[in-house]
Amino acid sequence: MKKDLEKIRGPNNEPWNNKVYTPYELYPEVREDAPDLMVYFDDLSWRAAGTIGWDTIYLPENDRGPDDAVHDWIDVFAIYDPEGNDR
């Protein structure tokens, strides 16, 4: 399945740079219900849709709403506030 996912091409049959990993290939420790595979479509230019029933396998925009912070190659920013203060 990894090799098939890596071969997926774009909507105009253009080649994509897809990467497919198991969590164990990326993280030193994996807990709880980890996904079987993690797929980065075309260097994170595309993502898998979270819904079904569309007329096409390519959607021109996010199928579930705004998608400005789902993924990034460079960094992740998180804040932990033990007192639960909204900022």
N, C-alpha and C. Protein backbone atom coordinates (compact mmCIF):
# COMPACT_ATOMS: atom_id res chain seq x y z
N MET A 1 0.83 -1.18 0.00
CA MET A 1 0.00 0.00 0.00
C MET A 1 0.88 1.26 0.00
N LYS A 2 1.99 1.23 0.73
CA LYS A 2 2.88 2.39 0.76
C LYS A 2 3.33 2.76 -0.65
N LYS A 3 3.74 1.79 -1.42
CA LYS A 3 4.22 2.06 -2.79
C LYS A 3 3.11 2.62 -3.67
N ASP A 4 1.87 2.12 -3.50
CA ASP A 4 0.74 2.64 -4.29
C ASP A 4 0.44 4.09 -3.91
N LEU A 5 0.46 4.42 -2.63
CA LEU A 5 0.21 5.80 -2.20
C LEU A 5 1.31 6.74 -2.69
N GLU A 6 2.54 6.27 -2.70
CA GLU A 6 3.64 7.09 -3.19
C GLU A 6 3.51 7.40 -4.68
N LYS A 7 2.80 6.57 -5.43
CA LYS A 7 2.65 6.75 -6.88
C LYS A 7 1.49 7.66 -7.27
N ILE A 8 0.65 8.08 -6.33
CA ILE A 8 -0.49 8.93 -6.67
C ILE A 8 0.01 10.20 -7.35
N ARG A 9 -0.69 10.56 -8.41
CA ARG A 9 -0.34 11.74 -9.20
C ARG A 9 -1.42 12.80 -9.02
N GLY A 10 -1.13 14.01 -9.46
CA GLY A 10 -2.04 15.13 -9.31
C GLY A 10 -3.22 15.10 -10.26
N PRO A 11 -4.13 16.08 -10.14
CA PRO A 11 -5.36 16.10 -10.93
C PRO A 11 -5.12 16.22 -12.42
N ASN A 12 -3.97 16.72 -12.82
CA ASN A 12 -3.62 16.81 -14.25
C ASN A 12 -2.57 15.77 -14.61
N ASN A 13 -2.52 14.70 -13.84
CA ASN A 13 -1.58 13.59 -14.00
C ASN A 13 -0.12 14.02 -13.79
N GLU A 14 0.08 15.17 -13.12
CA GLU A 14 1.44 15.61 -12.84
C GLU A 14 2.03 14.77 -11.70
N PRO A 15 3.33 14.52 -11.73
CA PRO A 15 3.95 13.74 -10.67
C PRO A 15 3.95 14.51 -9.35
N TRP A 16 3.73 13.79 -8.29
CA TRP A 16 3.77 14.37 -6.95
C TRP A 16 4.92 13.76 -6.17
N ASN A 17 5.42 14.49 -5.20
CA ASN A 17 6.43 13.99 -4.29
C ASN A 17 5.72 13.55 -3.00
N ASN A 18 5.21 12.32 -3.00
CA ASN A 18 4.47 11.78 -1.86
C ASN A 18 5.42 11.00 -0.96
N LYS A 19 5.18 11.10 0.34
CA LYS A 19 5.94 10.34 1.32
C LYS A 19 4.95 9.57 2.19
N VAL A 20 5.27 8.31 2.47
CA VAL A 20 4.39 7.46 3.28
C VAL A 20 5.24 6.80 4.36
N TYR A 21 4.81 6.93 5.62
CA TYR A 21 5.55 6.39 6.74
C TYR A 21 4.62 5.66 7.70
N THR A 22 5.18 4.74 8.45
CA THR A 22 4.50 4.25 9.64
C THR A 22 4.94 5.16 10.78
N PRO A 23 4.15 5.29 11.83
CA PRO A 23 4.57 6.14 12.95
C PRO A 23 5.91 5.69 13.55
N TYR A 24 6.18 4.41 13.48
CA TYR A 24 7.41 3.87 14.06
C TYR A 24 8.65 4.30 13.28
N GLU A 25 8.48 4.70 12.03
CA GLU A 25 9.60 5.20 11.24
C GLU A 25 9.95 6.64 11.60
N LEU A 26 9.01 7.38 12.17
CA LEU A 26 9.21 8.80 12.44
C LEU A 26 9.44 9.14 13.91
N TYR A 27 8.87 8.36 14.82
CA TYR A 27 8.90 8.71 16.23
C TYR A 27 9.60 7.65 17.06
N PRO A 28 10.39 8.07 18.04
CA PRO A 28 11.09 7.09 18.87
C PRO A 28 10.15 6.30 19.78
N GLU A 29 8.99 6.87 20.08
CA GLU A 29 8.01 6.19 20.92
C GLU A 29 6.62 6.45 20.35
N VAL A 30 5.83 5.40 20.22
CA VAL A 30 4.47 5.51 19.70
C VAL A 30 3.52 4.93 20.75
N ARG A 31 2.50 5.71 21.12
CA ARG A 31 1.54 5.29 22.14
C ARG A 31 0.12 5.32 21.61
N GLU A 32 -0.74 4.70 22.38
CA GLU A 32 -2.19 4.73 22.13
C GLU A 32 -2.54 4.18 20.75
N ASP A 33 -3.54 4.78 20.11
CA ASP A 33 -4.04 4.31 18.82
C ASP A 33 -3.37 5.06 17.68
N ALA A 34 -2.19 4.64 17.33
CA ALA A 34 -1.44 5.29 16.26
C ALA A 34 -2.03 4.91 14.90
N PRO A 35 -1.93 5.79 13.91
CA PRO A 35 -2.40 5.42 12.57
C PRO A 35 -1.50 4.34 11.97
N ASP A 36 -2.05 3.57 11.07
CA ASP A 36 -1.23 2.56 10.39
C ASP A 36 -0.20 3.23 9.49
N LEU A 37 -0.64 4.25 8.75
CA LEU A 37 0.25 4.97 7.85
C LEU A 37 0.01 6.47 7.96
N MET A 38 1.05 7.23 7.70
CA MET A 38 0.95 8.68 7.63
C MET A 38 1.42 9.08 6.24
N VAL A 39 0.59 9.85 5.52
CA VAL A 39 0.88 10.17 4.12
C VAL A 39 1.01 11.68 3.96
N TYR A 40 2.10 12.10 3.32
CA TYR A 40 2.32 13.49 2.97
C TYR A 40 2.19 13.58 1.45
N PHE A 41 1.08 14.17 0.99
CA PHE A 41 0.84 14.28 -0.45
C PHE A 41 1.53 15.51 -1.02
N ASP A 42 2.37 15.30 -2.02
CA ASP A 42 3.04 16.37 -2.76
C ASP A 42 3.67 17.41 -1.84
N ASP A 43 4.55 16.93 -0.97
CA ASP A 43 5.24 17.83 -0.02
C ASP A 43 4.27 18.67 0.79
N LEU A 44 3.18 18.09 1.19
CA LEU A 44 2.13 18.72 2.00
C LEU A 44 1.36 19.80 1.24
N SER A 45 1.41 19.77 -0.09
CA SER A 45 0.60 20.71 -0.88
C SER A 45 -0.85 20.27 -0.91
N TRP A 46 -1.12 19.00 -0.66
CA TRP A 46 -2.47 18.45 -0.64
C TRP A 46 -2.62 17.60 0.62
N ARG A 47 -3.85 17.36 1.02
CA ARG A 47 -4.10 16.45 2.13
C ARG A 47 -5.29 15.57 1.82
N ALA A 48 -5.39 14.48 2.53
CA ALA A 48 -6.52 13.57 2.32
C ALA A 48 -7.80 14.22 2.82
N ALA A 49 -8.89 14.03 2.09
CA ALA A 49 -10.18 14.57 2.49
C ALA A 49 -10.71 13.81 3.70
N GLY A 50 -11.43 14.51 4.54
CA GLY A 50 -12.01 13.89 5.72
C GLY A 50 -13.44 13.42 5.51
N THR A 51 -13.96 13.54 4.29
CA THR A 51 -15.33 13.15 3.99
C THR A 51 -15.34 12.32 2.71
N ILE A 52 -16.48 11.72 2.42
CA ILE A 52 -16.64 10.93 1.20
C ILE A 52 -17.86 11.42 0.43
N GLY A 53 -18.02 10.94 -0.81
CA GLY A 53 -19.21 11.26 -1.59
C GLY A 53 -19.02 12.35 -2.61
N TRP A 54 -17.81 12.74 -2.90
CA TRP A 54 -17.55 13.79 -3.87
C TRP A 54 -17.50 13.21 -5.28
N ASP A 55 -17.72 14.05 -6.29
CA ASP A 55 -17.67 13.61 -7.69
C ASP A 55 -16.25 13.44 -8.21
N THR A 56 -15.28 13.91 -7.46
CA THR A 56 -13.88 13.84 -7.87
C THR A 56 -13.03 13.41 -6.68
N ILE A 57 -11.84 12.88 -6.97
CA ILE A 57 -10.97 12.54 -5.86
C ILE A 57 -10.08 13.72 -5.47
N TYR A 58 -10.14 14.81 -6.22
CA TYR A 58 -9.40 16.02 -5.91
C TYR A 58 -10.39 17.13 -5.58
N LEU A 59 -10.21 17.77 -4.46
CA LEU A 59 -11.09 18.86 -4.05
C LEU A 59 -10.33 20.18 -4.14
N PRO A 60 -10.96 21.22 -4.68
CA PRO A 60 -10.26 22.50 -4.84
C PRO A 60 -10.01 23.23 -3.53
N GLU A 61 -10.69 22.84 -2.48
CA GLU A 61 -10.49 23.46 -1.17
C GLU A 61 -10.76 22.43 -0.09
N ASN A 62 -10.46 22.78 1.12
CA ASN A 62 -10.64 21.87 2.24
C ASN A 62 -12.10 21.47 2.37
N ASP A 63 -12.35 20.18 2.56
CA ASP A 63 -13.72 19.67 2.63
C ASP A 63 -14.34 19.84 4.00
N ARG A 64 -13.59 20.28 5.01
CA ARG A 64 -14.14 20.36 6.36
C ARG A 64 -14.01 21.73 6.98
N GLY A 65 -13.67 22.74 6.20
CA GLY A 65 -13.55 24.08 6.76
C GLY A 65 -12.14 24.62 6.64
N PRO A 66 -11.85 25.73 7.30
CA PRO A 66 -10.53 26.35 7.20
C PRO A 66 -9.41 25.36 7.58
N ASP A 67 -8.32 25.44 6.85
CA ASP A 67 -7.21 24.51 7.05
C ASP A 67 -5.90 25.28 7.04
N ASP A 68 -5.73 26.18 7.98
CA ASP A 68 -4.51 26.97 8.00
C ASP A 68 -3.45 26.42 8.95
N ALA A 69 -3.76 25.38 9.72
CA ALA A 69 -2.78 24.91 10.70
C ALA A 69 -2.81 23.40 10.89
N VAL A 70 -3.16 22.65 9.86
CA VAL A 70 -3.22 21.20 10.01
C VAL A 70 -1.84 20.57 9.92
N HIS A 71 -0.95 21.11 9.10
CA HIS A 71 0.33 20.47 8.88
C HIS A 71 1.37 21.48 8.42
N ASP A 72 2.63 21.12 8.64
CA ASP A 72 3.70 21.99 8.20
C ASP A 72 5.01 21.21 8.29
N TRP A 73 5.91 21.40 7.35
CA TRP A 73 7.21 20.74 7.39
C TRP A 73 8.13 21.39 8.41
N ILE A 74 7.96 22.67 8.67
CA ILE A 74 8.97 23.42 9.39
C ILE A 74 8.84 23.32 10.91
N ASP A 75 7.66 23.49 11.46
CA ASP A 75 7.58 23.60 12.90
C ASP A 75 6.17 23.38 13.41
N VAL A 76 6.07 23.18 14.68
CA VAL A 76 4.79 23.12 15.38
C VAL A 76 4.90 24.04 16.58
N PHE A 77 3.87 24.81 16.82
CA PHE A 77 3.85 25.72 17.96
C PHE A 77 2.70 25.34 18.86
N ALA A 78 2.98 25.10 20.13
CA ALA A 78 1.94 24.73 21.09
C ALA A 78 2.20 25.47 22.40
N ILE A 79 1.11 25.82 23.06
CA ILE A 79 1.21 26.47 24.36
C ILE A 79 0.44 25.62 25.37
N TYR A 80 1.06 25.38 26.50
CA TYR A 80 0.39 24.67 27.59
C TYR A 80 0.20 25.66 28.72
N ASP A 81 -1.05 25.86 29.13
CA ASP A 81 -1.36 26.74 30.24
C ASP A 81 -2.01 25.90 31.32
N PRO A 82 -1.26 25.52 32.37
CA PRO A 82 -1.80 24.63 33.39
C PRO A 82 -2.98 25.23 34.16
N GLU A 83 -3.13 26.55 34.09
CA GLU A 83 -4.25 27.19 34.80
C GLU A 83 -5.47 27.35 33.88
N GLY A 84 -5.35 26.99 32.63
CA GLY A 84 -6.48 27.03 31.72
C GLY A 84 -6.91 28.41 31.31
N ASN A 85 -6.04 29.38 31.37
CA ASN A 85 -6.39 30.76 30.98
C ASN A 85 -6.48 30.88 29.48
N ASP A 86 -7.55 31.48 28.99
CA ASP A 86 -7.68 31.75 27.56
C ASP A 86 -6.85 32.97 27.21
N ARG A 87 -6.19 32.92 26.08
CA ARG A 87 -5.38 34.07 25.67
C ARG A 87 -5.84 34.57 24.34
